[in-house]
Amino acid sequence: MRTDEIRIHHQADATCRTCGSTVEAPRFFDTRGHHYCAPECWETVGDRAAKAHAAMELR
């Protein structure tokens, strides 16, 4: 993938991976391209509560 295509792919899925809210300005994302709405969500990626919340969102 070219850099331009990767940048477009990152912008296409702009939802917070932890809480599921829409990320309007994707400033916080990890090396895999997952977006987070705030540093607090980014820092709680391994927490059980965050995983349980994400599982409920998928149902």
Protein backbone atom coordinates (compact mmCIF):
# COMPACT_ATOMS: atom_id res chain seq x y z
CA MET A 1 0.00 0.00 0.00
CA ARG A 2 1.17 3.46 -0.72
CA THR A 3 1.27 6.13 1.96
CA ASP A 4 -1.69 7.96 0.38
CA GLU A 5 -3.81 4.80 0.43
CA ILE A 6 -2.89 4.10 4.05
CA ARG A 7 -3.84 7.64 5.07
CA ILE A 8 -7.23 7.30 3.36
CA HIS A 9 -7.78 3.90 5.01
CA HIS A 10 -7.03 5.41 8.45
CA GLN A 11 -9.58 8.16 7.89
CA ALA A 12 -12.31 5.81 6.63
CA ASP A 13 -12.78 3.99 9.96
CA ALA A 14 -12.69 6.75 12.56
CA THR A 15 -14.40 5.17 15.56
CA CYS A 16 -12.80 4.80 18.95
CA ARG A 17 -11.71 1.21 19.47
CA THR A 18 -12.28 1.38 23.24
CA CYS A 19 -15.59 3.22 23.70
CA GLY A 20 -17.00 3.13 20.15
CA SER A 21 -17.61 6.87 19.82
CA THR A 22 -16.97 8.67 16.55
CA VAL A 23 -13.53 10.24 16.26
CA GLU A 24 -13.84 13.49 14.33
CA ALA A 25 -10.13 14.37 14.34
CA PRO A 26 -8.10 11.13 14.46
CA ARG A 27 -5.12 12.25 16.52
CA PHE A 28 -4.71 9.21 18.74
CA PHE A 29 -4.10 5.93 16.96
CA ASP A 30 -1.76 3.02 17.35
CA THR A 31 0.59 1.45 14.83
CA ARG A 32 -2.17 -0.83 13.52
CA GLY A 33 -4.40 2.10 12.59
CA HIS A 34 -6.93 1.75 15.41
CA HIS A 35 -8.36 5.10 16.45
CA TYR A 36 -9.06 6.35 19.97
CA CYS A 37 -11.08 9.43 20.95
CA ALA A 38 -8.82 10.50 23.82
CA PRO A 39 -5.59 9.52 25.55
CA GLU A 40 -7.68 7.98 28.36
CA CYS A 41 -9.19 5.44 25.94
CA TRP A 42 -5.79 4.75 24.41
CA GLU A 43 -4.27 4.09 27.84
CA THR A 44 -7.04 1.68 28.91
CA VAL A 45 -6.78 -0.70 25.95
CA GLY A 46 -5.86 -3.72 28.10
CA ASP A 47 -8.48 -3.17 30.82
CA ARG A 48 -11.27 -5.70 31.37
CA ALA A 49 -13.94 -3.00 31.53
CA ALA A 50 -12.87 -1.63 28.16
CA LYS A 51 -12.93 -5.11 26.61
CA ALA A 52 -16.36 -5.84 28.08
CA HIS A 53 -17.70 -2.56 26.73
CA ALA A 54 -16.27 -3.28 23.28
CA ALA A 55 -17.83 -6.76 23.31
CA MET A 56 -21.24 -5.29 24.11
CA GLU A 57 -20.88 -2.84 21.21
CA LEU A 58 -20.31 -5.71 18.77
CA ARG A 59 -23.59 -7.45 19.65
